[in-house]
Amino acid sequence: MKLTPYKQFAPFKLEDLIMECWQVTSDIKVVYEEHLDSPTPMNDDEIANILIGMEYMYQRKFERLFREYEAACNHGGIFLDENDVKTIKDKEY
């Protein structure tokens, strides 16, 4: 079995998307620090607008992550060549 050029880097794309989603914790920290530590704390509308935007943005990020995960699952393995996947899927057990 050999690695295809695209599939060689697929795990890193999946990993990048996972790490991008973890960013939510840092973003939440920025919001509460700005609210608690800023000389002019945010009002309820400002906080709500930020949280609504974060909700939408992270919904999209998690959808991208899940699409990449599904692609890896549908492929049969991120380290397999397309021909190897076809051989394995066509094999009768």
Protein backbone atom coordinates (compact mmCIF):
# COMPACT_ATOMS: atom_id res chain seq x y z
CA MET A 1 0.00 0.00 0.00
CA LYS A 2 1.27 3.43 -0.86
CA LEU A 3 0.23 6.87 0.25
CA THR A 4 -1.33 9.19 -2.28
CA PRO A 5 -0.08 12.77 -2.22
CA TYR A 6 -3.46 14.12 -1.05
CA LYS A 7 -4.00 11.46 1.56
CA GLN A 8 -0.53 12.02 2.96
CA PHE A 9 -1.71 15.37 4.27
CA ALA A 10 -5.36 14.56 5.08
CA PRO A 11 -4.67 13.83 8.77
CA PHE A 12 -3.11 17.26 9.12
CA LYS A 13 -6.17 18.93 7.56
CA LEU A 14 -8.42 17.08 9.99
CA GLU A 15 -6.11 18.01 12.86
CA ASP A 16 -6.09 21.68 11.80
CA LEU A 17 -9.88 21.75 11.78
CA ILE A 18 -10.03 20.16 15.24
CA MET A 19 -7.58 22.72 16.61
CA GLU A 20 -9.56 25.52 14.97
CA CYS A 21 -12.65 24.39 16.89
CA TRP A 22 -10.73 24.34 20.18
CA GLN A 23 -10.21 28.08 19.65
CA VAL A 24 -13.71 28.59 21.09
CA THR A 25 -12.27 28.41 24.61
CA SER A 26 -9.83 31.26 23.91
CA ASP A 27 -12.59 33.33 22.31
CA ILE A 28 -14.84 32.87 25.35
CA LYS A 29 -11.95 33.94 27.58
CA VAL A 30 -11.53 37.17 25.56
CA VAL A 31 -15.23 37.97 26.00
CA TYR A 32 -15.28 37.53 29.77
CA GLU A 33 -11.93 39.30 30.25
CA GLU A 34 -13.13 42.27 28.21
CA HIS A 35 -16.32 42.37 30.22
CA LEU A 36 -14.71 42.00 33.65
CA ASP A 37 -11.34 43.73 33.23
CA SER A 38 -12.04 46.49 30.73
CA PRO A 39 -12.31 50.09 32.01
CA THR A 40 -15.65 50.21 30.19
CA PRO A 41 -17.42 46.88 30.64
CA MET A 42 -19.59 45.67 27.80
CA ASN A 43 -23.32 46.06 28.09
CA ASP A 44 -25.80 43.22 27.62
CA ASP A 45 -26.35 44.02 23.93
CA GLU A 46 -22.62 43.95 23.17
CA ILE A 47 -22.17 40.63 24.94
CA ALA A 48 -25.22 39.16 23.21
CA ASN A 49 -24.00 40.30 19.78
CA ILE A 50 -20.56 38.76 20.35
CA LEU A 51 -22.06 35.48 21.56
CA ILE A 52 -24.52 35.30 18.66
CA GLY A 53 -21.63 35.82 16.23
CA MET A 54 -19.50 33.20 17.98
CA GLU A 55 -22.37 30.72 17.92
CA TYR A 56 -22.79 31.13 14.17
CA MET A 57 -19.05 31.04 13.46
CA TYR A 58 -18.46 27.90 15.53
CA GLN A 59 -21.51 26.19 14.05
CA ARG A 60 -19.84 26.63 10.65
CA LYS A 61 -16.43 25.50 11.95
CA PHE A 62 -17.88 22.33 13.45
CA GLU A 63 -19.79 21.62 10.22
CA ARG A 64 -16.52 21.90 8.26
CA LEU A 65 -14.81 19.60 10.74
CA PHE A 66 -17.60 17.04 10.52
CA ARG A 67 -17.55 17.08 6.69
CA GLU A 68 -13.82 16.32 6.74
CA TYR A 69 -14.35 13.57 9.33
CA GLU A 70 -17.12 12.02 7.20
CA ALA A 71 -14.87 12.16 4.14
CA ALA A 72 -12.16 10.26 6.01
CA CYS A 73 -14.70 7.67 7.21
CA ASN A 74 -16.22 7.27 3.75
CA HIS A 75 -12.79 6.89 2.22
CA GLY A 76 -12.02 3.97 4.51
CA GLY A 77 -8.89 5.38 6.07
CA ILE A 78 -6.86 8.51 5.68
CA PHE A 79 -3.61 6.67 5.01
CA LEU A 80 -4.86 4.38 2.24
CA ASP A 81 -4.38 4.76 -1.50
CA GLU A 82 -7.62 4.96 -3.54
CA ASN A 83 -6.87 1.58 -5.19
CA ASP A 84 -6.31 -0.04 -1.81
CA VAL A 85 -9.63 1.30 -0.56
CA LYS A 86 -11.45 -0.07 -3.62
CA THR A 87 -9.79 -3.47 -3.18
CA ILE A 88 -10.75 -3.62 0.48
CA LYS A 89 -14.34 -2.46 -0.15
CA ASP A 90 -14.81 -4.94 -3.03
CA LYS A 91 -13.45 -7.88 -1.05
CA GLU A 92 -16.03 -10.39 0.16
CA TYR A 93 -15.71 -11.69 3.71
